[in-house]
C-alpha atoms as a PDB file:
ATOM      1  CA  MET A   1      60.916 130.589 124.817  1.00  0.00           C
ATOM      2  CA  THR A   2      60.105 129.986 121.128  1.00  0.00           C
ATOM      3  CA  SER A   3      61.479 127.217 118.960  1.00  0.00           C
ATOM      4  CA  THR A   4      63.390 129.840 116.970  1.00  0.00           C
ATOM      5  CA  GLU A   5      65.238 130.937 120.097  1.00  0.00           C
ATOM      6  CA  PHE A   6      66.076 127.332 120.929  1.00  0.00           C
ATOM      7  CA  SER A   7      67.764 126.917 117.536  1.00  0.00           C
ATOM      8  CA  LYS A   8      70.228 129.781 118.025  1.00  0.00           C
ATOM      9  CA  PRO A   9      73.799 128.784 118.954  1.00  0.00           C
ATOM     10  CA  ASP A  10      75.420 130.149 122.096  1.00  0.00           C
ATOM     11  CA  LEU A  11      77.761 132.894 120.875  1.00  0.00           C
ATOM     12  CA  GLU A  12      78.605 134.300 124.306  1.00  0.00           C
ATOM     13  CA  THR A  13      80.472 131.417 125.963  1.00  0.00           C
ATOM     14  CA  PRO A  14      84.130 131.324 124.827  1.00  0.00           C
ATOM     15  CA  ALA A  15      85.220 128.251 122.868  1.00  0.00           C
ATOM     16  CA  TRP A  16      87.626 126.019 124.741  1.00  0.00           C
ATOM     17  CA  VAL A  17      89.566 125.335 121.533  1.00  0.00           C
ATOM     18  CA  ASP A  18      91.308 127.808 119.272  1.00  0.00           C
ATOM     19  CA  LEU A  19      91.337 126.384 115.755  1.00  0.00           C
ATOM     20  CA  ARG A  20      93.585 129.218 114.603  1.00  0.00           C
ATOM     21  CA  ARG A  21      96.360 127.440 116.494  1.00  0.00           C
ATOM     22  CA  TYR A  22      95.796 124.075 114.794  1.00  0.00           C
ATOM     23  CA  ASP A  23      99.078 122.750 113.421  1.00  0.00           C
ATOM     24  CA  GLN A  24      99.743 119.356 111.837  1.00  0.00           C
ATOM     25  CA  SER A  25     103.166 120.232 110.448  1.00  0.00           C
ATOM     26  CA  ASP A  26     104.698 117.339 112.395  1.00  0.00           C
ATOM     27  CA  TYR A  27     102.346 114.797 110.788  1.00  0.00           C
ATOM     28  CA  ASP A  28     104.001 112.602 108.154  1.00  0.00           C
ATOM     29  CA  ARG A  29     101.709 111.728 105.258  1.00  0.00           C
ATOM     30  CA  GLY A  30     104.366 109.424 103.896  1.00  0.00           C
ATOM     31  CA  ARG A  31     104.555 111.095 100.482  1.00  0.00           C
ATOM     32  CA  SER A  32     104.980 114.589  99.091  1.00  0.00           C
ATOM     33  CA  GLY A  33     102.040 116.944  98.649  1.00  0.00           C
ATOM     34  CA  VAL A  34     102.279 116.605  94.865  1.00  0.00           C
ATOM     35  CA  TYR A  35     102.162 112.811  95.106  1.00  0.00           C
ATOM     36  CA  VAL A  36      99.134 112.986  97.408  1.00  0.00           C
ATOM     37  CA  LEU A  37      97.299 115.293  94.994  1.00  0.00           C
ATOM     38  CA  LEU A  38      98.175 113.001  92.077  1.00  0.00           C
ATOM     39  CA  TRP A  39      96.677 110.024  93.905  1.00  0.00           C
ATOM     40  CA  TRP A  40      93.505 111.927  94.782  1.00  0.00           C
ATOM     41  CA  LEU A  41      93.126 112.973  91.139  1.00  0.00           C
ATOM     42  CA  VAL A  42      93.713 109.438  89.827  1.00  0.00           C
ATOM     43  CA  GLN A  43      91.295 107.962  92.359  1.00  0.00           C
ATOM     44  CA  ALA A  44      88.600 110.573  91.667  1.00  0.00           C
ATOM     45  CA  ILE A  45      88.683 109.845  87.929  1.00  0.00           C
ATOM     46  CA  ALA A  46      89.858 106.264  87.412  1.00  0.00           C
ATOM     47  CA  PHE A  47      87.963 104.517  90.211  1.00  0.00           C
ATOM     48  CA  PRO A  48      84.389 105.672  89.473  1.00  0.00           C
ATOM     49  CA  LEU A  49      84.879 105.428  85.703  1.00  0.00           C
ATOM     50  CA  SER A  50      86.223 101.879  85.818  1.00  0.00           C
ATOM     51  CA  PRO A  51      83.699  99.090  85.137  1.00  0.00           C
ATOM     52  CA  HIS A  52      82.173  97.374  88.153  1.00  0.00           C
ATOM     53  CA  PHE A  53      83.984  94.119  87.330  1.00  0.00           C
ATOM     54  CA  ALA A  54      87.433  95.774  86.927  1.00  0.00           C
ATOM     55  CA  ASN A  55      88.689  94.834  90.376  1.00  0.00           C
ATOM     56  CA  GLY A  56      92.093  93.888  89.011  1.00  0.00           C
ATOM     57  CA  PHE A  57      92.560  97.372  87.558  1.00  0.00           C
ATOM     58  CA  ARG A  58      91.638  99.085  90.826  1.00  0.00           C
ATOM     59  CA  CYS A  59      93.943  96.771  92.784  1.00  0.00           C
ATOM     60  CA  TRP A  60      96.702  97.550  90.291  1.00  0.00           C
ATOM     61  CA  LEU A  61      96.204 101.284  90.860  1.00  0.00           C
ATOM     62  CA  LEU A  62      96.363 100.823  94.626  1.00  0.00           C
ATOM     63  CA  ARG A  63      99.592  98.831  94.301  1.00  0.00           C
ATOM     64  CA  ARG A  64     101.085 101.454  91.987  1.00  0.00           C
ATOM     65  CA  PHE A  65     100.518 104.004  94.733  1.00  0.00           C
ATOM     66  CA  GLY A  66     102.104 101.896  97.441  1.00  0.00           C
ATOM     67  CA  ALA A  67      99.318  99.730  98.876  1.00  0.00           C
ATOM     68  CA  THR A  68      99.922  96.082  99.665  1.00  0.00           C
ATOM     69  CA  VAL A  69      97.083  94.152  98.038  1.00  0.00           C
ATOM     70  CA  GLY A  70      96.862  90.357  97.994  1.00  0.00           C
ATOM     71  CA  GLU A  71      95.375  87.909  95.506  1.00  0.00           C
ATOM     72  CA  GLY A  72      91.712  87.801  94.522  1.00  0.00           C
ATOM     73  CA  VAL A  73      90.786  91.105  96.171  1.00  0.00           C
ATOM     74  CA  ILE A  74      87.521  92.838  95.209  1.00  0.00           C
ATOM     75  CA  VAL A  75      87.437  96.644  95.451  1.00  0.00           C
ATOM     76  CA  ARG A  76      84.270  98.433  94.347  1.00  0.00           C
ATOM     77  CA  PRO A  77      84.534 101.597  92.201  1.00  0.00           C
ATOM     78  CA  THR A  78      83.209 103.932  94.913  1.00  0.00           C
ATOM     79  CA  ALA A  79      85.601 102.768  97.661  1.00  0.00           C
ATOM     80  CA  ARG A  80      88.003 105.502  98.809  1.00  0.00           C
ATOM     81  CA  PHE A  81      91.523 105.317 100.221  1.00  0.00           C
ATOM     82  CA  THR A  82      93.084 108.481 101.651  1.00  0.00           C
ATOM     83  CA  TYR A  83      96.728 107.336 101.549  1.00  0.00           C
ATOM     84  CA  PRO A  84      97.027 103.901  99.875  1.00  0.00           C
ATOM     85  CA  TRP A  85     100.689 103.542 100.883  1.00  0.00           C
ATOM     86  CA  LYS A  86      99.410 103.086 104.460  1.00  0.00           C
ATOM     87  CA  VAL A  87      96.985 100.280 103.473  1.00  0.00           C
ATOM     88  CA  HIS A  88      97.639  96.522 103.618  1.00  0.00           C
ATOM     89  CA  ILE A  89      94.955  94.144 102.311  1.00  0.00           C
ATOM     90  CA  GLY A  90      95.336  90.379 102.498  1.00  0.00           C
ATOM     91  CA  ASP A  91      94.205  87.743  99.992  1.00  0.00           C
ATOM     92  CA  TYR A  92      90.553  87.359  98.923  1.00  0.00           C
ATOM     93  CA  CYS A  93      89.231  90.427 100.744  1.00  0.00           C
ATOM     94  CA  TRP A  94      86.124  92.352  99.641  1.00  0.00           C
ATOM     95  CA  ILE A  95      85.886  96.146  99.935  1.00  0.00           C
ATOM     96  CA  GLY A  96      82.328  97.347  99.302  1.00  0.00           C
ATOM     97  CA  ASP A  97      80.757 100.418  97.718  1.00  0.00           C
ATOM     98  CA  ASP A  98      81.291 103.763  99.467  1.00  0.00           C
ATOM     99  CA  VAL A  99      83.715 102.258 101.985  1.00  0.00           C
ATOM    100  CA  VAL A 100      86.243 104.808 103.256  1.00  0.00           C
ATOM    101  CA  PHE A 101      89.738 103.881 104.404  1.00  0.00           C
ATOM    102  CA  TYR A 102      90.713 107.121 106.154  1.00  0.00           C
ATOM    103  CA  SER A 103      94.292 105.934 106.297  1.00  0.00           C
ATOM    104  CA  LEU A 104      96.157 108.705 108.086  1.00  0.00           C
ATOM    105  CA  ASP A 105      97.779 105.748 109.861  1.00  0.00           C
ATOM    106  CA  GLU A 106      98.140 102.094 108.897  1.00  0.00           C
ATOM    107  CA  ILE A 107      95.046 100.027 108.051  1.00  0.00           C
ATOM    108  CA  CYS A 108      95.832  96.311 107.905  1.00  0.00           C
ATOM    109  CA  LEU A 109      93.403  93.587 106.819  1.00  0.00           C
ATOM    110  CA  GLY A 110      94.184  89.896 107.068  1.00  0.00           C
ATOM    111  CA  HIS A 111      92.984  87.326 104.532  1.00  0.00           C
ATOM    112  CA  HIS A 112      89.307  86.741 103.639  1.00  0.00           C
ATOM    113  CA  CYS A 113      88.058  89.972 105.238  1.00  0.00           C
ATOM    114  CA  VAL A 114      84.874  91.774 104.179  1.00  0.00           C
ATOM    115  CA  VAL A 115      84.296  95.485 104.728  1.00  0.00           C
ATOM    116  CA  SER A 116      80.736  96.105 103.567  1.00  0.00           C
ATOM    117  CA  GLN A 117      79.233  99.154 101.892  1.00  0.00           C
ATOM    118  CA  LYS A 118      79.329 102.565 103.573  1.00  0.00           C
ATOM    119  CA  SER A 119      81.632 101.474 106.380  1.00  0.00           C
ATOM    120  CA  TYR A 120      84.256 103.955 107.566  1.00  0.00           C
ATOM    121  CA  LEU A 121      87.645 102.928 108.947  1.00  0.00           C
ATOM    122  CA  CYS A 122      89.031 106.057 110.625  1.00  0.00           C
ATOM    123  CA  THR A 123      92.653 106.137 111.827  1.00  0.00           C
ATOM    124  CA  GLY A 124      92.621 109.842 112.730  1.00  0.00           C
ATOM    125  CA  SER A 125      91.059 111.883 115.513  1.00  0.00           C
ATOM    126  CA  HIS A 126      91.835 114.922 117.667  1.00  0.00           C
ATOM    127  CA  ASP A 127      92.912 115.483 121.260  1.00  0.00           C
ATOM    128  CA  ILE A 128      89.765 116.765 122.984  1.00  0.00           C
ATOM    129  CA  GLY A 129      91.852 118.162 125.845  1.00  0.00           C
ATOM    130  CA  ASP A 130      94.125 120.188 123.591  1.00  0.00           C
ATOM    131  CA  ARG A 131      93.197 123.811 122.921  1.00  0.00           C
ATOM    132  CA  ARG A 132      94.965 123.487 119.569  1.00  0.00           C
ATOM    133  CA  PHE A 133      92.777 120.437 118.664  1.00  0.00           C
ATOM    134  CA  GLY A 134      95.908 118.387 117.959  1.00  0.00           C
ATOM    135  CA  LEU A 135      95.768 115.538 115.466  1.00  0.00           C
ATOM    136  CA  LYS A 136      96.073 111.971 116.778  1.00  0.00           C
ATOM    137  CA  THR A 137      96.476 108.858 114.637  1.00  0.00           C
ATOM    138  CA  ASN A 138      96.547 105.146 115.409  1.00  0.00           C
ATOM    139  CA  PRO A 139      96.386 102.040 113.201  1.00  0.00           C
ATOM    140  CA  ILE A 140      93.411  99.748 112.617  1.00  0.00           C
ATOM    141  CA  ILE A 141      93.961  95.984 112.354  1.00  0.00           C
ATOM    142  CA  LEU A 142      91.455  93.373 111.166  1.00  0.00           C
ATOM    143  CA  GLY A 143      92.392  89.724 111.649  1.00  0.00           C
ATOM    144  CA  ASN A 144      91.725  86.971 109.120  1.00  0.00           C
ATOM    145  CA  GLY A 145      88.074  86.337 108.282  1.00  0.00           C
ATOM    146  CA  VAL A 146      86.660  89.505 109.842  1.00  0.00           C
ATOM    147  CA  TRP A 147      83.367  90.823 108.462  1.00  0.00           C
ATOM    148  CA  VAL A 148      82.558  94.477 109.099  1.00  0.00           C
ATOM    149  CA  ALA A 149      78.929  94.717 107.989  1.00  0.00           C
ATOM    150  CA  THR A 150      77.267  97.682 106.303  1.00  0.00           C
ATOM    151  CA  ASP A 151      77.518 101.264 107.567  1.00  0.00           C
ATOM    152  CA  CYS A 152      79.884 100.609 110.488  1.00  0.00           C
ATOM    153  CA  PHE A 153      82.389 103.001 112.035  1.00  0.00           C
ATOM    154  CA  VAL A 154      85.760 101.652 113.220  1.00  0.00           C
ATOM    155  CA  ALA A 155      87.836 104.076 115.271  1.00  0.00           C
ATOM    156  CA  ALA A 156      91.573 104.671 115.393  1.00  0.00           C
ATOM    157  CA  GLY A 157      93.584 102.181 117.422  1.00  0.00           C
ATOM    158  CA  VAL A 158      91.070  99.325 117.115  1.00  0.00           C
ATOM    159  CA  THR A 159      92.064  95.697 116.602  1.00  0.00           C
ATOM    160  CA  ILE A 160      89.317  93.244 115.613  1.00  0.00           C
ATOM    161  CA  GLY A 161      90.163  89.619 116.303  1.00  0.00           C
ATOM    162  CA  SER A 162      90.125  87.015 113.552  1.00  0.00           C
ATOM    163  CA  ASN A 163      86.761  85.660 112.335  1.00  0.00           C
ATOM    164  CA  THR A 164      84.686  88.224 114.233  1.00  0.00           C
ATOM    165  CA  VAL A 165      81.539  89.754 112.726  1.00  0.00           C
ATOM    166  CA  VAL A 166      80.694  93.411 113.382  1.00  0.00           C
ATOM    167  CA  GLY A 167      76.947  93.877 112.955  1.00  0.00           C
ATOM    168  CA  ALA A 168      75.437  96.510 110.672  1.00  0.00           C
ATOM    169  CA  ARG A 169      75.616 100.138 111.820  1.00  0.00           C
ATOM    170  CA  SER A 170      77.815  99.357 114.786  1.00  0.00           C
ATOM    171  CA  SER A 171      80.379 101.829 116.129  1.00  0.00           C
ATOM    172  CA  VAL A 172      83.636 100.200 117.203  1.00  0.00           C
ATOM    173  CA  PHE A 173      85.683 102.250 119.676  1.00  0.00           C
ATOM    174  CA  GLY A 174      87.610  99.440 121.379  1.00  0.00           C
ATOM    175  CA  ASN A 175      89.256  96.137 120.561  1.00  0.00           C
ATOM    176  CA  LEU A 176      87.000  93.152 119.815  1.00  0.00           C
ATOM    177  CA  PRO A 177      87.826  89.511 120.592  1.00  0.00           C
ATOM    178  CA  ALA A 178      88.330  86.820 117.970  1.00  0.00           C
ATOM    179  CA  GLY A 179      85.472  84.601 116.830  1.00  0.00           C
ATOM    180  CA  TYR A 180      82.493  86.617 118.083  1.00  0.00           C
ATOM    181  CA  VAL A 181      79.417  88.353 116.744  1.00  0.00           C
ATOM    182  CA  CYS A 182      79.617  91.943 117.981  1.00  0.00           C
ATOM    183  CA  LEU A 183      76.895  94.591 117.822  1.00  0.00           C
ATOM    184  CA  GLY A 184      75.927  98.039 118.936  1.00  0.00           C
ATOM    185  CA  SER A 185      77.216 101.508 119.598  1.00  0.00           C
ATOM    186  CA  PRO A 186      79.547 101.158 121.332  1.00  0.00           C
ATOM    187  CA  CYS A 187      80.081  97.725 119.807  1.00  0.00           C
ATOM    188  CA  ARG A 188      80.223  94.794 122.239  1.00  0.00           C
ATOM    189  CA  ALA A 189      80.708  91.037 121.893  1.00  0.00           C
ATOM    190  CA  LYS A 190      77.282  89.326 121.993  1.00  0.00           C
ATOM    191  CA  SER A 191      77.816  85.659 121.184  1.00  0.00           C
ATOM    192  CA  PRO A 192      80.430  83.300 119.716  1.00  0.00           C
ATOM    193  CA  ARG A 193      80.376  83.023 115.943  1.00  0.00           C
ATOM    194  CA  THR A 194      79.486  79.520 114.830  1.00  0.00           C
ATOM    195  CA  MET A 195      80.061  78.003 111.404  1.00  0.00           C
ATOM    196  CA  THR A 196      78.148  75.262 109.596  1.00  0.00           C
ATOM    197  CA  GLU A 197      81.265  73.441 108.434  1.00  0.00           C
ATOM    198  CA  ASP A 198      82.863  70.854 110.739  1.00  0.00           C
ATOM    199  CA  SER A 199      86.385  72.055 109.988  1.00  0.00           C
ATOM    200  CA  PRO A 200      87.820  75.433 108.940  1.00  0.00           C
ATOM    201  CA  PRO A 201      88.685  75.932 105.273  1.00  0.00           C
ATOM    202  CA  GLU A 202      92.220  75.806 104.031  1.00  0.00           C
ATOM    203  CA  SER A 203      93.920  79.194 104.000  1.00  0.00           C
END
């Protein structure tokens, strides 16, 4: 068998799903279709055109569209938020370049959290046992002091305990305990996180 034959998809076996039957009419986006389109337009234009240092402006836009954003938050111009009214960001958090908050459901960050560049927080998936490929959503929660390092994937329904570090390029499909360094795909707790200071900082 040639390499060309290997590359051909199987077009004889019937698909187990029927995407013609996909229906998300019962999903609540939380705002009207016009409002959603307005946000996407504003984000597509105002975010990338705003200066790198204009974090206050980007936070103001997020608040105007329903997000809860605390004090001293840094949001880079290329970060993307699907539905900001489902996003809650605590004080002094950093959201890096090309981060995606796919907020079909709630995404909640505590205080002093870092979500590094190219990470993807995904609150939506599909029922793999449903022939109609039904939509499923669940929230994502990050406790205080969590660091999600670069190019990580965090799945729907995940809670990451306070002060835990998720190592670069990890894939998080289940809850992670507080105060650990966690790595891998699937991501697992590897060792307790230790700090150089004798006492924790004031909140």
